[in-house]
Amino acid sequence: MPQQKKTSTVWKSLAPIITGVVILLIPAPAGLKFTAWCYFALFCAVLVGVIVEPIPAAAVGVLGIGLATIFGLVDPRPGEAVKWALAGFSNTTVWLIFGAFMFALGYEKTGLGPRIALVLVKALGARTLGLGYAIALSDFVLSPVTPSNTARSAGIIYPIIQNIPPLYGSYPGETSRKVGGYIMWVALCATAITGSMFTTSLATNLLTVELSRKIANVDISWTQWFIGFLPVGALLLASLPILPTRSIRLR
């Protein structure tokens, strides 16, 4: 088993390199500069590296940017190449995402997120329907300052709700439909809805705003995004806990 793990690690490390080398050995298409073909080979190698992850994905990306800069694949002028490599760090959207993640980390470290969720569960958890609304509202309250569905749902909501089903004799398997399956379904769907309601509830929303500004010259503010999605989002969030089950008294 250790030998197999070692072999797997070696292949993961070699896969991006082999991908880049194979593409470089293929003649560049007519009319395409060799440097552009090299950049494409590097791009494919980085993509494979992100998929197989011989090292963390962020490190793969930084390594790819570094190689493109060193070899002048974007611009042969060193100064301009470095400027290109550092351009992302001057993007206000990137720093907004970074700041939002810092707030999310604060929610987790201080325990504020779980406390908010538990208060809602205490107030609305007498029935399965109320419990469903408590979960949905917890996700809604946390979403404006947690720009990641994974961080919000798996990092904050799930550690709370996973302890609720066993209290009512609901476990994976035959008893999952008592309350466990319902709770997990609501939590999964709620985070998909809230992830679309705010620009700061999902990192890709901020990217969308930035692309709209650059490509279409349309500047979408946080408030405009929220108000625009509110009619649909509120309807989905309000109807979500009702859809899968009838209300059952839990206490």
C-alpha atoms as a PDB file:
ATOM      1  CA  MET A   1       0.000   0.000   0.000  1.00  0.00           C
ATOM      2  CA  PRO A   2       2.785   2.553   0.801  1.00  0.00           C
ATOM      3  CA  GLN A   3       4.473   1.673  -2.504  1.00  0.00           C
ATOM      4  CA  GLN A   4       1.223   2.251  -4.406  1.00  0.00           C
ATOM      5  CA  LYS A   5       0.755   5.592  -2.662  1.00  0.00           C
ATOM      6  CA  LYS A   6       4.310   6.590  -3.546  1.00  0.00           C
ATOM      7  CA  THR A   7       3.786   5.611  -7.194  1.00  0.00           C
ATOM      8  CA  SER A   8       0.550   7.600  -7.308  1.00  0.00           C
ATOM      9  CA  THR A   9       2.326  10.669  -5.914  1.00  0.00           C
ATOM     10  CA  VAL A  10       5.062  10.370  -8.537  1.00  0.00           C
ATOM     11  CA  TRP A  11       2.559  10.161 -11.381  1.00  0.00           C
ATOM     12  CA  LYS A  12       0.671  13.158 -10.033  1.00  0.00           C
ATOM     13  CA  SER A  13       3.909  15.127 -10.017  1.00  0.00           C
ATOM     14  CA  LEU A  14       4.845  14.059 -13.535  1.00  0.00           C
ATOM     15  CA  ALA A  15       1.409  14.463 -15.148  1.00  0.00           C
ATOM     16  CA  PRO A  16       1.553  18.288 -15.550  1.00  0.00           C
ATOM     17  CA  ILE A  17       5.143  18.154 -16.840  1.00  0.00           C
ATOM     18  CA  ILE A  18       4.368  15.380 -19.340  1.00  0.00           C
ATOM     19  CA  THR A  19       1.292  17.303 -20.548  1.00  0.00           C
ATOM     20  CA  GLY A  20       3.308  20.455 -21.191  1.00  0.00           C
ATOM     21  CA  VAL A  21       6.175  18.629 -22.901  1.00  0.00           C
ATOM     22  CA  VAL A  22       3.868  16.608 -25.185  1.00  0.00           C
ATOM     23  CA  ILE A  23       2.085  19.763 -26.353  1.00  0.00           C
ATOM     24  CA  LEU A  24       5.417  21.516 -26.956  1.00  0.00           C
ATOM     25  CA  LEU A  25       6.572  18.624 -29.142  1.00  0.00           C
ATOM     26  CA  ILE A  26       3.557  19.123 -31.400  1.00  0.00           C
ATOM     27  CA  PRO A  27       4.278  21.713 -34.116  1.00  0.00           C
ATOM     28  CA  ALA A  28       2.580  25.033 -33.490  1.00  0.00           C
ATOM     29  CA  PRO A  29      -0.434  25.734 -35.761  1.00  0.00           C
ATOM     30  CA  ALA A  30       0.248  27.908 -38.777  1.00  0.00           C
ATOM     31  CA  GLY A  31       0.198  31.606 -38.000  1.00  0.00           C
ATOM     32  CA  LEU A  32       0.613  31.090 -34.229  1.00  0.00           C
ATOM     33  CA  LYS A  33       3.753  32.412 -32.563  1.00  0.00           C
ATOM     34  CA  PHE A  34       5.946  29.889 -30.784  1.00  0.00           C
ATOM     35  CA  THR A  35       5.680  31.842 -27.535  1.00  0.00           C
ATOM     36  CA  ALA A  36       1.885  31.669 -27.764  1.00  0.00           C
ATOM     37  CA  TRP A  37       2.093  27.900 -28.271  1.00  0.00           C
ATOM     38  CA  CYS A  38       4.402  27.655 -25.256  1.00  0.00           C
ATOM     39  CA  TYR A  39       1.904  29.660 -23.217  1.00  0.00           C
ATOM     40  CA  PHE A  40      -0.848  27.240 -24.267  1.00  0.00           C
ATOM     41  CA  ALA A  41       1.314  24.282 -23.226  1.00  0.00           C
ATOM     42  CA  LEU A  42       1.958  25.925 -19.854  1.00  0.00           C
ATOM     43  CA  PHE A  43      -1.744  26.644 -19.450  1.00  0.00           C
ATOM     44  CA  CYS A  44      -2.631  22.995 -20.085  1.00  0.00           C
ATOM     45  CA  ALA A  45       0.079  21.857 -17.674  1.00  0.00           C
ATOM     46  CA  VAL A  46      -1.280  24.167 -14.967  1.00  0.00           C
ATOM     47  CA  LEU A  47      -4.815  22.912 -15.634  1.00  0.00           C
ATOM     48  CA  VAL A  48      -3.704  19.297 -15.185  1.00  0.00           C
ATOM     49  CA  GLY A  49      -1.785  20.315 -12.058  1.00  0.00           C
ATOM     50  CA  VAL A  50      -4.893  21.895 -10.570  1.00  0.00           C
ATOM     51  CA  ILE A  51      -6.851  18.693 -11.267  1.00  0.00           C
ATOM     52  CA  VAL A  52      -4.370  16.114  -9.921  1.00  0.00           C
ATOM     53  CA  GLU A  53      -2.880  18.451  -7.249  1.00  0.00           C
ATOM     54  CA  PRO A  54       0.686  17.198  -6.737  1.00  0.00           C
ATOM     55  CA  ILE A  55       0.951  20.372  -4.645  1.00  0.00           C
ATOM     56  CA  PRO A  56      -1.863  22.691  -3.477  1.00  0.00           C
ATOM     57  CA  ALA A  57      -3.827  24.226  -6.358  1.00  0.00           C
ATOM     58  CA  ALA A  58      -2.898  27.768  -5.332  1.00  0.00           C
ATOM     59  CA  ALA A  59       0.792  26.883  -5.517  1.00  0.00           C
ATOM     60  CA  VAL A  60       0.283  25.368  -8.976  1.00  0.00           C
ATOM     61  CA  GLY A  61      -1.277  28.626 -10.161  1.00  0.00           C
ATOM     62  CA  VAL A  62       1.489  30.780  -8.699  1.00  0.00           C
ATOM     63  CA  LEU A  63       4.117  28.488 -10.253  1.00  0.00           C
ATOM     64  CA  GLY A  64       2.444  28.802 -13.664  1.00  0.00           C
ATOM     65  CA  ILE A  65       2.377  32.615 -13.427  1.00  0.00           C
ATOM     66  CA  GLY A  66       6.006  32.615 -12.359  1.00  0.00           C
ATOM     67  CA  LEU A  67       7.134  30.466 -15.313  1.00  0.00           C
ATOM     68  CA  ALA A  68       5.149  32.578 -17.781  1.00  0.00           C
ATOM     69  CA  THR A  69       6.827  35.689 -16.383  1.00  0.00           C
ATOM     70  CA  ILE A  70      10.373  34.295 -16.274  1.00  0.00           C
ATOM     71  CA  PHE A  71      10.268  32.986 -19.843  1.00  0.00           C
ATOM     72  CA  GLY A  72       8.506  36.062 -21.232  1.00  0.00           C
ATOM     73  CA  LEU A  73       5.567  34.116 -22.616  1.00  0.00           C
ATOM     74  CA  VAL A  74       3.166  37.027 -22.116  1.00  0.00           C
ATOM     75  CA  ASP A  75       5.518  39.930 -22.844  1.00  0.00           C
ATOM     76  CA  PRO A  76       9.241  39.728 -23.729  1.00  0.00           C
ATOM     77  CA  ARG A  77       9.931  42.912 -21.740  1.00  0.00           C
ATOM     78  CA  PRO A  78      10.768  41.940 -18.146  1.00  0.00           C
ATOM     79  CA  GLY A  79       9.103  44.995 -16.649  1.00  0.00           C
ATOM     80  CA  GLU A  80       5.838  44.437 -18.493  1.00  0.00           C
ATOM     81  CA  ALA A  81       5.919  40.713 -17.725  1.00  0.00           C
ATOM     82  CA  VAL A  82       6.254  41.406 -13.991  1.00  0.00           C
ATOM     83  CA  LYS A  83       3.487  44.002 -14.236  1.00  0.00           C
ATOM     84  CA  TRP A  84       1.234  41.364 -15.808  1.00  0.00           C
ATOM     85  CA  ALA A  85       2.097  38.834 -13.105  1.00  0.00           C
ATOM     86  CA  LEU A  86       1.219  41.269 -10.322  1.00  0.00           C
ATOM     87  CA  ALA A  87      -1.881  42.737 -11.992  1.00  0.00           C
ATOM     88  CA  GLY A  88      -4.235  40.452 -10.106  1.00  0.00           C
ATOM     89  CA  PHE A  89      -3.039  41.787  -6.759  1.00  0.00           C
ATOM     90  CA  SER A  90      -4.136  45.296  -7.707  1.00  0.00           C
ATOM     91  CA  ASN A  91      -7.666  44.143  -8.522  1.00  0.00           C
ATOM     92  CA  THR A  92     -10.133  45.545  -5.996  1.00  0.00           C
ATOM     93  CA  THR A  93     -12.446  42.551  -6.455  1.00  0.00           C
ATOM     94  CA  VAL A  94      -9.680  40.152  -5.439  1.00  0.00           C
ATOM     95  CA  TRP A  95      -9.072  42.125  -2.255  1.00  0.00           C
ATOM     96  CA  LEU A  96     -12.806  42.227  -1.563  1.00  0.00           C
ATOM     97  CA  ILE A  97     -12.898  38.438  -1.779  1.00  0.00           C
ATOM     98  CA  PHE A  98      -9.866  38.248   0.512  1.00  0.00           C
ATOM     99  CA  GLY A  99     -11.520  40.564   3.030  1.00  0.00           C
ATOM    100  CA  ALA A 100     -14.756  38.583   2.928  1.00  0.00           C
ATOM    101  CA  PHE A 101     -12.871  35.364   3.613  1.00  0.00           C
ATOM    102  CA  MET A 102     -11.212  37.031   6.607  1.00  0.00           C
ATOM    103  CA  PHE A 103     -14.660  37.883   7.967  1.00  0.00           C
ATOM    104  CA  ALA A 104     -15.760  34.299   7.351  1.00  0.00           C
ATOM    105  CA  LEU A 105     -12.734  33.003   9.251  1.00  0.00           C
ATOM    106  CA  GLY A 106     -13.628  35.342  12.099  1.00  0.00           C
ATOM    107  CA  TYR A 107     -17.158  33.900  12.192  1.00  0.00           C
ATOM    108  CA  GLU A 108     -15.692  30.422  12.528  1.00  0.00           C
ATOM    109  CA  LYS A 109     -12.945  31.210  15.052  1.00  0.00           C
ATOM    110  CA  THR A 110     -15.095  33.316  17.372  1.00  0.00           C
ATOM    111  CA  GLY A 111     -18.049  30.944  17.198  1.00  0.00           C
ATOM    112  CA  LEU A 112     -20.402  33.745  16.189  1.00  0.00           C
ATOM    113  CA  GLY A 113     -21.749  31.790  13.209  1.00  0.00           C
ATOM    114  CA  PRO A 114     -22.702  28.687  15.217  1.00  0.00           C
ATOM    115  CA  ARG A 115     -24.252  30.864  17.945  1.00  0.00           C
ATOM    116  CA  ILE A 116     -26.493  32.611  15.409  1.00  0.00           C
ATOM    117  CA  ALA A 117     -27.563  29.283  13.949  1.00  0.00           C
ATOM    118  CA  LEU A 118     -28.277  27.755  17.349  1.00  0.00           C
ATOM    119  CA  VAL A 119     -30.416  30.729  18.375  1.00  0.00           C
ATOM    120  CA  LEU A 120     -32.529  30.267  15.256  1.00  0.00           C
ATOM    121  CA  VAL A 121     -32.814  26.517  15.856  1.00  0.00           C
ATOM    122  CA  LYS A 122     -33.896  27.142  19.454  1.00  0.00           C
ATOM    123  CA  ALA A 123     -36.560  29.617  18.363  1.00  0.00           C
ATOM    124  CA  LEU A 124     -37.979  27.670  15.411  1.00  0.00           C
ATOM    125  CA  GLY A 125     -37.111  24.021  16.035  1.00  0.00           C
ATOM    126  CA  ALA A 126     -40.295  22.655  17.629  1.00  0.00           C
ATOM    127  CA  ARG A 127     -41.349  21.066  14.308  1.00  0.00           C
ATOM    128  CA  THR A 128     -39.487  19.790  11.292  1.00  0.00           C
ATOM    129  CA  LEU A 129     -40.869  22.693   9.277  1.00  0.00           C
ATOM    130  CA  GLY A 130     -39.594  25.221  11.808  1.00  0.00           C
ATOM    131  CA  LEU A 131     -36.267  23.440  11.899  1.00  0.00           C
ATOM    132  CA  GLY A 132     -36.076  23.694   8.115  1.00  0.00           C
ATOM    133  CA  TYR A 133     -36.693  27.416   8.286  1.00  0.00           C
ATOM    134  CA  ALA A 134     -34.084  27.767  11.027  1.00  0.00           C
ATOM    135  CA  ILE A 135     -31.473  26.136   8.810  1.00  0.00           C
ATOM    136  CA  ALA A 136     -32.439  28.217   5.788  1.00  0.00           C
ATOM    137  CA  LEU A 137     -32.395  31.446   7.809  1.00  0.00           C
ATOM    138  CA  SER A 138     -29.042  30.549   9.374  1.00  0.00           C
ATOM    139  CA  ASP A 139     -27.550  30.164   5.916  1.00  0.00           C
ATOM    140  CA  PHE A 140     -29.195  33.416   4.818  1.00  0.00           C
ATOM    141  CA  VAL A 141     -27.777  35.383   7.775  1.00  0.00           C
ATOM    142  CA  LEU A 142     -24.256  34.042   7.216  1.00  0.00           C
ATOM    143  CA  SER A 143     -24.193  34.329   3.421  1.00  0.00           C
ATOM    144  CA  PRO A 144     -23.428  38.087   3.018  1.00  0.00           C
ATOM    145  CA  VAL A 145     -20.097  37.688   4.819  1.00  0.00           C
ATOM    146  CA  THR A 146     -19.174  34.149   3.727  1.00  0.00           C
ATOM    147  CA  PRO A 147     -18.179  34.130   0.026  1.00  0.00           C
ATOM    148  CA  SER A 148     -18.029  30.354  -0.223  1.00  0.00           C
ATOM    149  CA  ASN A 149     -20.820  27.774  -0.201  1.00  0.00           C
ATOM    150  CA  THR A 150     -18.369  25.203   1.097  1.00  0.00           C
ATOM    151  CA  ALA A 151     -17.158  27.371   3.962  1.00  0.00           C
ATOM    152  CA  ARG A 152     -20.687  28.379   4.924  1.00  0.00           C
ATOM    153  CA  SER A 153     -22.488  25.055   4.516  1.00  0.00           C
ATOM    154  CA  ALA A 154     -19.773  22.546   5.383  1.00  0.00           C
ATOM    155  CA  GLY A 155     -17.744  24.722   7.741  1.00  0.00           C
ATOM    156  CA  ILE A 156     -20.493  26.381   9.804  1.00  0.00           C
ATOM    157  CA  ILE A 157     -23.960  24.916   9.193  1.00  0.00           C
ATOM    158  CA  TYR A 158     -23.136  21.195   8.896  1.00  0.00           C
ATOM    159  CA  PRO A 159     -21.189  20.852  12.181  1.00  0.00           C
ATOM    160  CA  ILE A 160     -24.334  22.099  13.946  1.00  0.00           C
ATOM    161  CA  ILE A 161     -27.059  20.203  12.140  1.00  0.00           C
ATOM    162  CA  GLN A 162     -25.232  16.848  12.032  1.00  0.00           C
ATOM    163  CA  ASN A 163     -25.860  16.485  15.777  1.00  0.00           C
ATOM    164  CA  ILE A 164     -29.624  17.063  15.538  1.00  0.00           C
ATOM    165  CA  PRO A 165     -30.922  13.871  13.786  1.00  0.00           C
ATOM    166  CA  PRO A 166     -29.463  11.408  16.350  1.00  0.00           C
ATOM    167  CA  LEU A 167     -31.433  13.206  19.074  1.00  0.00           C
ATOM    168  CA  TYR A 168     -34.602  11.970  17.356  1.00  0.00           C
ATOM    169  CA  GLY A 169     -33.344   8.498  16.442  1.00  0.00           C
ATOM    170  CA  SER A 170     -32.636   9.400  12.836  1.00  0.00           C
ATOM    171  CA  TYR A 171     -29.476   7.870  11.349  1.00  0.00           C
ATOM    172  CA  PRO A 172     -28.217   7.167   7.799  1.00  0.00           C
ATOM    173  CA  GLY A 173     -30.170   4.247   6.382  1.00  0.00           C
ATOM    174  CA  GLU A 174     -33.702   3.136   7.244  1.00  0.00           C
ATOM    175  CA  THR A 175     -34.341   5.907   9.786  1.00  0.00           C
ATOM    176  CA  SER A 176     -32.890   8.722   7.685  1.00  0.00           C
ATOM    177  CA  ARG A 177     -36.334   9.897   6.566  1.00  0.00           C
ATOM    178  CA  LYS A 178     -37.443  10.642  10.113  1.00  0.00           C
ATOM    179  CA  VAL A 179     -35.685  13.988  10.115  1.00  0.00           C
ATOM    180  CA  GLY A 180     -32.048  13.555   9.015  1.00  0.00           C
ATOM    181  CA  GLY A 181     -32.674  13.398   5.275  1.00  0.00           C
ATOM    182  CA  TYR A 182     -34.955  16.425   5.450  1.00  0.00           C
ATOM    183  CA  ILE A 183     -32.428  18.516   7.382  1.00  0.00           C
ATOM    184  CA  MET A 184     -29.562  17.692   5.019  1.00  0.00           C
ATOM    185  CA  TRP A 185     -31.707  18.339   1.924  1.00  0.00           C
ATOM    186  CA  VAL A 186     -32.790  21.758   3.178  1.00  0.00           C
ATOM    187  CA  ALA A 187     -29.218  22.681   4.120  1.00  0.00           C
ATOM    188  CA  LEU A 188     -27.907  21.681   0.690  1.00  0.00           C
ATOM    189  CA  CYS A 189     -30.574  23.558  -1.266  1.00  0.00           C
ATOM    190  CA  ALA A 190     -30.514  26.618   1.004  1.00  0.00           C
ATOM    191  CA  THR A 191     -26.834  27.252   0.427  1.00  0.00           C
ATOM    192  CA  ALA A 192     -27.383  27.082  -3.342  1.00  0.00           C
ATOM    193  CA  ILE A 193     -30.068  29.781  -3.077  1.00  0.00           C
ATOM    194  CA  THR A 194     -28.255  32.096  -0.679  1.00  0.00           C
ATOM    195  CA  GLY A 195     -25.099  31.769  -2.748  1.00  0.00           C
ATOM    196  CA  SER A 196     -26.899  33.689  -5.491  1.00  0.00           C
ATOM    197  CA  MET A 197     -28.551  36.354  -3.364  1.00  0.00           C
ATOM    198  CA  PHE A 198     -25.517  38.533  -2.536  1.00  0.00           C
ATOM    199  CA  THR A 199     -22.398  39.484  -4.442  1.00  0.00           C
ATOM    200  CA  THR A 200     -20.374  38.589  -1.347  1.00  0.00           C
ATOM    201  CA  SER A 201     -22.021  35.196  -0.752  1.00  0.00           C
ATOM    202  CA  LEU A 202     -20.031  33.485  -3.525  1.00  0.00           C
ATOM    203  CA  ALA A 203     -16.640  34.370  -4.946  1.00  0.00           C
ATOM    204  CA  THR A 204     -17.812  33.840  -8.530  1.00  0.00           C
ATOM    205  CA  ASN A 205     -20.482  36.526  -8.037  1.00  0.00           C
ATOM    206  CA  LEU A 206     -17.740  39.098  -7.497  1.00  0.00           C
ATOM    207  CA  LEU A 207     -15.996  37.843 -10.620  1.00  0.00           C
ATOM    208  CA  THR A 208     -19.239  38.260 -12.560  1.00  0.00           C
ATOM    209  CA  VAL A 209     -19.533  41.861 -11.367  1.00  0.00           C
ATOM    210  CA  GLU A 210     -15.960  42.546 -12.437  1.00  0.00           C
ATOM    211  CA  LEU A 211     -16.497  40.999 -15.888  1.00  0.00           C
ATOM    212  CA  SER A 212     -19.698  43.010 -16.348  1.00  0.00           C
ATOM    213  CA  ARG A 213     -17.800  46.178 -15.535  1.00  0.00           C
ATOM    214  CA  LYS A 214     -14.940  45.442 -17.924  1.00  0.00           C
ATOM    215  CA  ILE A 215     -16.801  43.883 -20.850  1.00  0.00           C
ATOM    216  CA  ALA A 216     -20.243  45.513 -20.842  1.00  0.00           C
ATOM    217  CA  ASN A 217     -19.391  48.691 -18.895  1.00  0.00           C
ATOM    218  CA  VAL A 218     -22.203  47.827 -16.464  1.00  0.00           C
ATOM    219  CA  ASP A 219     -21.458  48.564 -12.833  1.00  0.00           C
ATOM    220  CA  ILE A 220     -23.571  46.423 -10.480  1.00  0.00           C
ATOM    221  CA  SER A 221     -23.541  47.467  -6.833  1.00  0.00           C
ATOM    222  CA  TRP A 222     -24.092  45.159  -3.869  1.00  0.00           C
ATOM    223  CA  THR A 223     -27.549  46.654  -3.293  1.00  0.00           C
ATOM    224  CA  GLN A 224     -28.596  46.391  -6.950  1.00  0.00           C
ATOM    225  CA  TRP A 225     -27.609  42.707  -7.058  1.00  0.00           C
ATOM    226  CA  PHE A 226     -29.532  41.950  -3.852  1.00  0.00           C
ATOM    227  CA  ILE A 227     -32.690  43.854  -4.859  1.00  0.00           C
ATOM    228  CA  GLY A 228     -32.628  42.331  -8.338  1.00  0.00           C
ATOM    229  CA  PHE A 229     -32.466  38.765  -7.034  1.00  0.00           C
ATOM    230  CA  LEU A 230     -34.644  39.308  -3.946  1.00  0.00           C
ATOM    231  CA  PRO A 231     -38.078  38.520  -5.514  1.00  0.00           C
ATOM    232  CA  VAL A 232     -36.887  35.140  -6.797  1.00  0.00           C
ATOM    233  CA  GLY A 233     -34.574  34.416  -3.875  1.00  0.00           C
ATOM    234  CA  ALA A 234     -37.166  35.214  -1.218  1.00  0.00           C
ATOM    235  CA  LEU A 235     -39.740  33.001  -2.928  1.00  0.00           C
ATOM    236  CA  LEU A 236     -37.315  30.093  -3.235  1.00  0.00           C
ATOM    237  CA  LEU A 237     -36.082  30.440   0.338  1.00  0.00           C
ATOM    238  CA  ALA A 238     -39.623  30.700   1.738  1.00  0.00           C
ATOM    239  CA  SER A 239     -40.927  27.667  -0.152  1.00  0.00           C
ATOM    240  CA  LEU A 240     -37.845  25.464   0.262  1.00  0.00           C
ATOM    241  CA  PRO A 241     -38.599  23.961   3.716  1.00  0.00           C
ATOM    242  CA  ILE A 242     -42.223  23.255   2.725  1.00  0.00           C
ATOM    243  CA  LEU A 243     -41.466  21.257  -0.418  1.00  0.00           C
ATOM    244  CA  PRO A 244     -40.038  17.929   0.787  1.00  0.00           C
ATOM    245  CA  THR A 245     -42.074  16.963   3.852  1.00  0.00           C
ATOM    246  CA  ARG A 246     -45.042  17.488   6.126  1.00  0.00           C
ATOM    247  CA  SER A 247     -44.494  19.177   9.481  1.00  0.00           C
ATOM    248  CA  ILE A 248     -43.775  16.789  12.368  1.00  0.00           C
ATOM    249  CA  ARG A 249     -43.696  17.833  16.019  1.00  0.00           C
ATOM    250  CA  LEU A 250     -40.253  17.154  17.474  1.00  0.00           C
ATOM    251  CA  ARG A 251     -40.778  18.136  21.085  1.00  0.00           C
END
